[in-house]
Amino acid sequence: MTRGNQRELARAKNAKKQDGKKGKGGAANQDGNKGMTLEARKQRDAEMMRLKQQKAQTKDGGSGAKD
């Protein structure tokens, strides 16, 4: 073993990195939908998109279409 404990340190670093990723994205991200019906999720998402579009329009100066 010519590399000493470099391999062990790399494994520990990778394990720590993987533990940090568990809470982000994937199935863990769907916990916000728990207990909601499909219609409720659709309404919530539609409202979020409306707000996002309004914010973009006010930032753009209110011009909806370019001529």
PDB file of N, CA and C in Angstrom:
ATOM      1  N   MET A   1       0.847  -1.166   0.000  1.00  0.00           N
ATOM      2  CA  MET A   1       0.000   0.000   0.000  1.00  0.00           C
ATOM      3  C   MET A   1       0.892   1.228   0.000  1.00  0.00           C
ATOM      4  N   THR A   2       1.129   1.723  -1.181  1.00  0.00           N
ATOM      5  CA  THR A   2       2.055   2.842  -1.319  1.00  0.00           C
ATOM      6  C   THR A   2       1.377   4.191  -1.147  1.00  0.00           C
ATOM      7  N   ARG A   3       0.055   4.213  -1.177  1.00  0.00           N
ATOM      8  CA  ARG A   3      -0.646   5.494  -1.106  1.00  0.00           C
ATOM      9  C   ARG A   3      -0.957   5.924   0.329  1.00  0.00           C
ATOM     10  N   GLY A   4      -0.603   5.135   1.290  1.00  0.00           N
ATOM     11  CA  GLY A   4      -0.869   5.497   2.676  1.00  0.00           C
ATOM     12  C   GLY A   4      -2.366   5.529   2.954  1.00  0.00           C
ATOM     13  N   ASN A   5      -2.815   6.539   3.643  1.00  0.00           N
ATOM     14  CA  ASN A   5      -4.230   6.603   3.994  1.00  0.00           C
ATOM     15  C   ASN A   5      -5.005   7.511   3.048  1.00  0.00           C
ATOM     16  N   GLN A   6      -4.437   7.835   1.902  1.00  0.00           N
ATOM     17  CA  GLN A   6      -5.110   8.719   0.948  1.00  0.00           C
ATOM     18  C   GLN A   6      -6.433   8.111   0.479  1.00  0.00           C
ATOM     19  N   ARG A   7      -6.434   6.816   0.254  1.00  0.00           N
ATOM     20  CA  ARG A   7      -7.649   6.138  -0.210  1.00  0.00           C
ATOM     21  C   ARG A   7      -8.745   6.208   0.849  1.00  0.00           C
ATOM     22  N   GLU A   8      -8.374   5.996   2.108  1.00  0.00           N
ATOM     23  CA  GLU A   8      -9.356   6.066   3.194  1.00  0.00           C
ATOM     24  C   GLU A   8      -9.911   7.487   3.341  1.00  0.00           C
ATOM     25  N   LEU A   9      -9.056   8.486   3.217  1.00  0.00           N
ATOM     26  CA  LEU A   9      -9.505   9.869   3.314  1.00  0.00           C
ATOM     27  C   LEU A   9     -10.465  10.207   2.171  1.00  0.00           C
ATOM     28  N   ALA A  10     -10.173   9.709   0.973  1.00  0.00           N
ATOM     29  CA  ALA A  10     -11.044   9.961  -0.174  1.00  0.00           C
ATOM     30  C   ALA A  10     -12.408   9.308   0.037  1.00  0.00           C
ATOM     31  N   ARG A  11     -12.408   8.108   0.593  1.00  0.00           N
ATOM     32  CA  ARG A  11     -13.682   7.425   0.867  1.00  0.00           C
ATOM     33  C   ARG A  11     -14.502   8.185   1.903  1.00  0.00           C
ATOM     34  N   ALA A  12     -13.842   8.666   2.949  1.00  0.00           N
ATOM     35  CA  ALA A  12     -14.546   9.422   3.990  1.00  0.00           C
ATOM     36  C   ALA A  12     -15.105  10.726   3.431  1.00  0.00           C
ATOM     37  N   LYS A  13     -14.323  11.384   2.592  1.00  0.00           N
ATOM     38  CA  LYS A  13     -14.772  12.635   1.985  1.00  0.00           C
ATOM     39  C   LYS A  13     -15.980  12.395   1.083  1.00  0.00           C
ATOM     40  N   ASN A  14     -15.938  11.321   0.306  1.00  0.00           N
ATOM     41  CA  ASN A  14     -17.048  10.998  -0.589  1.00  0.00           C
ATOM     42  C   ASN A  14     -18.302  10.623   0.200  1.00  0.00           C
ATOM     43  N   ALA A  15     -18.140   9.890   1.299  1.00  0.00           N
ATOM     44  CA  ALA A  15     -19.288   9.514   2.125  1.00  0.00           C
ATOM     45  C   ALA A  15     -19.945  10.758   2.710  1.00  0.00           C
ATOM     46  N   LYS A  16     -19.134  11.702   3.158  1.00  0.00           N
ATOM     47  CA  LYS A  16     -19.665  12.950   3.706  1.00  0.00           C
ATOM     48  C   LYS A  16     -20.403  13.739   2.619  1.00  0.00           C
ATOM     49  N   LYS A  17     -19.852  13.745   1.414  1.00  0.00           N
ATOM     50  CA  LYS A  17     -20.475  14.451   0.294  1.00  0.00           C
ATOM     51  C   LYS A  17     -21.817  13.817  -0.073  1.00  0.00           C
ATOM     52  N   GLN A  18     -21.888  12.497  -0.067  1.00  0.00           N
ATOM     53  CA  GLN A  18     -23.123  11.792  -0.402  1.00  0.00           C
ATOM     54  C   GLN A  18     -24.191  12.022   0.659  1.00  0.00           C
ATOM     55  N   ASP A  19     -23.811  12.107   1.928  1.00  0.00           N
ATOM     56  CA  ASP A  19     -24.767  12.366   3.001  1.00  0.00           C
ATOM     57  C   ASP A  19     -25.397  13.744   2.841  1.00  0.00           C
ATOM     58  N   GLY A  20     -24.644  14.701   2.349  1.00  0.00           N
ATOM     59  CA  GLY A  20     -25.148  16.045   2.159  1.00  0.00           C
ATOM     60  C   GLY A  20     -26.150  16.140   1.026  1.00  0.00           C
ATOM     61  N   LYS A  21     -26.073  15.233   0.062  1.00  0.00           N
ATOM     62  CA  LYS A  21     -26.958  15.264  -1.099  1.00  0.00           C
ATOM     63  C   LYS A  21     -28.293  14.587  -0.847  1.00  0.00           C
ATOM     64  N   LYS A  22     -28.430  13.846   0.220  1.00  0.00           N
ATOM     65  CA  LYS A  22     -29.649  13.067   0.448  1.00  0.00           C
ATOM     66  C   LYS A  22     -30.895  13.927   0.516  1.00  0.00           C
ATOM     67  N   GLY A  23     -30.827  15.107   1.104  1.00  0.00           N
ATOM     68  CA  GLY A  23     -32.006  15.932   1.291  1.00  0.00           C
ATOM     69  C   GLY A  23     -32.396  16.763   0.085  1.00  0.00           C
ATOM     70  N   LYS A  24     -31.613  16.739  -0.972  1.00  0.00           N
ATOM     71  CA  LYS A  24     -31.870  17.616  -2.114  1.00  0.00           C
ATOM     72  C   LYS A  24     -32.404  16.815  -3.292  1.00  0.00           C
ATOM     73  N   GLY A  25     -33.480  17.312  -3.901  1.00  0.00           N
ATOM     74  CA  GLY A  25     -33.992  16.739  -5.136  1.00  0.00           C
ATOM     75  C   GLY A  25     -34.578  15.351  -4.966  1.00  0.00           C
ATOM     76  N   GLY A  26     -34.969  14.745  -6.062  1.00  0.00           N
ATOM     77  CA  GLY A  26     -35.470  13.381  -6.066  1.00  0.00           C
ATOM     78  C   GLY A  26     -36.746  13.182  -5.297  1.00  0.00           C
ATOM     79  N   ALA A  27     -36.891  12.034  -4.669  1.00  0.00           N
ATOM     80  CA  ALA A  27     -38.115  11.684  -3.948  1.00  0.00           C
ATOM     81  C   ALA A  27     -38.305  12.564  -2.713  1.00  0.00           C
ATOM     82  N   ALA A  28     -37.223  13.023  -2.129  1.00  0.00           N
ATOM     83  CA  ALA A  28     -37.330  13.862  -0.936  1.00  0.00           C
ATOM     84  C   ALA A  28     -38.021  15.182  -1.263  1.00  0.00           C
ATOM     85  N   ASN A  29     -37.942  15.602  -2.513  1.00  0.00           N
ATOM     86  CA  ASN A  29     -38.549  16.858  -2.934  1.00  0.00           C
ATOM     87  C   ASN A  29     -40.065  16.747  -3.025  1.00  0.00           C
ATOM     88  N   GLN A  30     -40.616  15.539  -3.067  1.00  0.00           N
ATOM     89  CA  GLN A  30     -42.046  15.338  -3.218  1.00  0.00           C
ATOM     90  C   GLN A  30     -42.791  15.375  -1.891  1.00  0.00           C
ATOM     91  N   ASP A  31     -42.098  15.546  -0.799  1.00  0.00           N
ATOM     92  CA  ASP A  31     -42.759  15.606   0.504  1.00  0.00           C
ATOM     93  C   ASP A  31     -43.674  16.822   0.607  1.00  0.00           C
ATOM     94  N   GLY A  32     -43.422  17.858  -0.157  1.00  0.00           N
ATOM     95  CA  GLY A  32     -44.275  19.033  -0.154  1.00  0.00           C
ATOM     96  C   GLY A  32     -45.643  18.754  -0.754  1.00  0.00           C
ATOM     97  N   ASN A  33     -45.768  17.676  -1.519  1.00  0.00           N
ATOM     98  CA  ASN A  33     -47.033  17.308  -2.148  1.00  0.00           C
ATOM     99  C   ASN A  33     -47.836  16.339  -1.289  1.00  0.00           C
ATOM    100  N   LYS A  34     -47.298  15.949  -0.173  1.00  0.00           N
ATOM    101  CA  LYS A  34     -47.951  14.949   0.663  1.00  0.00           C
ATOM    102  C   LYS A  34     -49.290  15.466   1.175  1.00  0.00           C
ATOM    103  N   GLY A  35     -50.318  14.675   1.022  1.00  0.00           N
ATOM    104  CA  GLY A  35     -51.634  15.030   1.524  1.00  0.00           C
ATOM    105  C   GLY A  35     -52.412  15.953   0.605  1.00  0.00           C
ATOM    106  N   MET A  36     -51.876  16.279  -0.549  1.00  0.00           N
ATOM    107  CA  MET A  36     -52.573  17.169  -1.482  1.00  0.00           C
ATOM    108  C   MET A  36     -53.155  16.352  -2.627  1.00  0.00           C
ATOM    109  N   THR A  37     -54.316  16.765  -3.076  1.00  0.00           N
ATOM    110  CA  THR A  37     -54.917  16.098  -4.223  1.00  0.00           C
ATOM    111  C   THR A  37     -54.274  16.633  -5.495  1.00  0.00           C
ATOM    112  N   LEU A  38     -54.547  15.962  -6.588  1.00  0.00           N
ATOM    113  CA  LEU A  38     -53.992  16.377  -7.864  1.00  0.00           C
ATOM    114  C   LEU A  38     -54.478  17.783  -8.225  1.00  0.00           C
ATOM    115  N   GLU A  39     -55.758  18.036  -8.007  1.00  0.00           N
ATOM    116  CA  GLU A  39     -56.320  19.358  -8.312  1.00  0.00           C
ATOM    117  C   GLU A  39     -55.685  20.446  -7.454  1.00  0.00           C
ATOM    118  N   ALA A  40     -55.452  20.151  -6.186  1.00  0.00           N
ATOM    119  CA  ALA A  40     -54.835  21.136  -5.291  1.00  0.00           C
ATOM    120  C   ALA A  40     -53.413  21.454  -5.747  1.00  0.00           C
ATOM    121  N   ARG A  41     -52.677  20.438  -6.170  1.00  0.00           N
ATOM    122  CA  ARG A  41     -51.312  20.661  -6.671  1.00  0.00           C
ATOM    123  C   ARG A  41     -51.340  21.495  -7.937  1.00  0.00           C
ATOM    124  N   LYS A  42     -52.292  21.190  -8.825  1.00  0.00           N
ATOM    125  CA  LYS A  42     -52.398  21.949 -10.079  1.00  0.00           C
ATOM    126  C   LYS A  42     -52.700  23.417  -9.802  1.00  0.00           C
ATOM    127  N   GLN A  43     -53.621  23.672  -8.871  1.00  0.00           N
ATOM    128  CA  GLN A  43     -53.963  25.049  -8.530  1.00  0.00           C
ATOM    129  C   GLN A  43     -52.775  25.777  -7.923  1.00  0.00           C
ATOM    130  N   ARG A  44     -52.075  25.097  -7.028  1.00  0.00           N
ATOM    131  CA  ARG A  44     -50.906  25.707  -6.383  1.00  0.00           C
ATOM    132  C   ARG A  44     -49.836  26.042  -7.422  1.00  0.00           C
ATOM    133  N   ASP A  45     -49.580  25.102  -8.315  1.00  0.00           N
ATOM    134  CA  ASP A  45     -48.556  25.322  -9.331  1.00  0.00           C
ATOM    135  C   ASP A  45     -48.956  26.420 -10.308  1.00  0.00           C
ATOM    136  N   ALA A  46     -50.243  26.466 -10.663  1.00  0.00           N
ATOM    137  CA  ALA A  46     -50.715  27.507 -11.571  1.00  0.00           C
ATOM    138  C   ALA A  46     -50.560  28.883 -10.940  1.00  0.00           C
ATOM    139  N   GLU A  47     -50.874  28.992  -9.670  1.00  0.00           N
ATOM    140  CA  GLU A  47     -50.733  30.267  -8.962  1.00  0.00           C
ATOM    141  C   GLU A  47     -49.260  30.680  -8.892  1.00  0.00           C
ATOM    142  N   MET A  48     -48.388  29.725  -8.658  1.00  0.00           N
ATOM    143  CA  MET A  48     -46.957  30.029  -8.612  1.00  0.00           C
ATOM    144  C   MET A  48     -46.472  30.543  -9.968  1.00  0.00           C
ATOM    145  N   MET A  49     -46.954  29.928 -11.048  1.00  0.00           N
ATOM    146  CA  MET A  49     -46.565  30.363 -12.386  1.00  0.00           C
ATOM    147  C   MET A  49     -47.115  31.755 -12.697  1.00  0.00           C
ATOM    148  N   ARG A  50     -48.346  32.036 -12.273  1.00  0.00           N
ATOM    149  CA  ARG A  50     -48.919  33.368 -12.481  1.00  0.00           C
ATOM    150  C   ARG A  50     -48.063  34.434 -11.793  1.00  0.00           C
ATOM    151  N   LEU A  51     -47.687  34.159 -10.548  1.00  0.00           N
ATOM    152  CA  LEU A  51     -46.853  35.109  -9.810  1.00  0.00           C
ATOM    153  C   LEU A  51     -45.499  35.301 -10.488  1.00  0.00           C
ATOM    154  N   LYS A  52     -44.944  34.210 -10.981  1.00  0.00           N
ATOM    155  CA  LYS A  52     -43.657  34.274 -11.651  1.00  0.00           C
ATOM    156  C   LYS A  52     -43.752  35.107 -12.935  1.00  0.00           C
ATOM    157  N   GLN A  53     -44.851  34.934 -13.686  1.00  0.00           N
ATOM    158  CA  GLN A  53     -45.047  35.698 -14.909  1.00  0.00           C
ATOM    159  C   GLN A  53     -45.264  37.179 -14.608  1.00  0.00           C
ATOM    160  N   GLN A  54     -46.040  37.468 -13.556  1.00  0.00           N
ATOM    161  CA  GLN A  54     -46.263  38.859 -13.175  1.00  0.00           C
ATOM    162  C   GLN A  54     -44.954  39.527 -12.772  1.00  0.00           C
ATOM    163  N   LYS A  55     -44.146  38.809 -12.043  1.00  0.00           N
ATOM    164  CA  LYS A  55     -42.858  39.342 -11.613  1.00  0.00           C
ATOM    165  C   LYS A  55     -41.967  39.622 -12.817  1.00  0.00           C
ATOM    166  N   ALA A  56     -41.977  38.708 -13.799  1.00  0.00           N
ATOM    167  CA  ALA A  56     -41.174  38.893 -14.998  1.00  0.00           C
ATOM    168  C   ALA A  56     -41.670  40.078 -15.812  1.00  0.00           C
ATOM    169  N   GLN A  57     -42.994  40.277 -15.873  1.00  0.00           N
ATOM    170  CA  GLN A  57     -43.542  41.395 -16.629  1.00  0.00           C
ATOM    171  C   GLN A  57     -43.203  42.723 -15.975  1.00  0.00           C
ATOM    172  N   THR A  58     -43.275  42.790 -14.658  1.00  0.00           N
ATOM    173  CA  THR A  58     -42.947  44.045 -13.987  1.00  0.00           C
ATOM    174  C   THR A  58     -41.460  44.347 -14.105  1.00  0.00           C
ATOM    175  N   LYS A  59     -40.658  43.320 -14.104  1.00  0.00           N
ATOM    176  CA  LYS A  59     -39.214  43.502 -14.249  1.00  0.00           C
ATOM    177  C   LYS A  59     -38.886  43.962 -15.675  1.00  0.00           C
ATOM    178  N   ASP A  60     -39.644  43.439 -16.637  1.00  0.00           N
ATOM    179  CA  ASP A  60     -39.430  43.752 -18.046  1.00  0.00           C
ATOM    180  C   ASP A  60     -39.978  45.130 -18.397  1.00  0.00           C
ATOM    181  N   GLY A  61     -40.788  45.682 -17.552  1.00  0.00           N
ATOM    182  CA  GLY A  61     -41.365  46.998 -17.813  1.00  0.00           C
ATOM    183  C   GLY A  61     -42.795  46.913 -18.296  1.00  0.00           C
ATOM    184  N   GLY A  62     -43.395  45.743 -18.182  1.00  0.00           N
ATOM    185  CA  GLY A  62     -44.793  45.603 -18.542  1.00  0.00           C
ATOM    186  C   GLY A  62     -45.043  45.286 -19.993  1.00  0.00           C
ATOM    187  N   SER A  63     -44.030  45.233 -20.837  1.00  0.00           N
ATOM    188  CA  SER A  63     -44.253  44.922 -22.258  1.00  0.00           C
ATOM    189  C   SER A  63     -44.414  43.413 -22.418  1.00  0.00           C
ATOM    190  N   GLY A  64     -45.617  43.003 -22.788  1.00  0.00           N
ATOM    191  CA  GLY A  64     -45.906  41.580 -22.922  1.00  0.00           C
ATOM    192  C   GLY A  64     -45.392  41.003 -24.214  1.00  0.00           C
ATOM    193  N   ALA A  65     -45.558  41.731 -25.330  1.00  0.00           N
ATOM    194  CA  ALA A  65     -45.138  41.230 -26.625  1.00  0.00           C
ATOM    195  C   ALA A  65     -44.215  42.245 -27.295  1.00  0.00           C
ATOM    196  N   LYS A  66     -43.280  41.726 -28.034  1.00  0.00           N
ATOM    197  CA  LYS A  66     -42.345  42.599 -28.748  1.00  0.00           C
ATOM    198  C   LYS A  66     -42.810  42.741 -30.191  1.00  0.00           C
ATOM    199  N   ASP A  67     -42.754  43.960 -30.720  1.00  0.00           N
ATOM    200  CA  ASP A  67     -43.193  44.211 -32.096  1.00  0.00           C
ATOM    201  C   ASP A  67     -42.023  44.283 -33.042  1.00  0.00           C
TER     202      ASP A  67
END
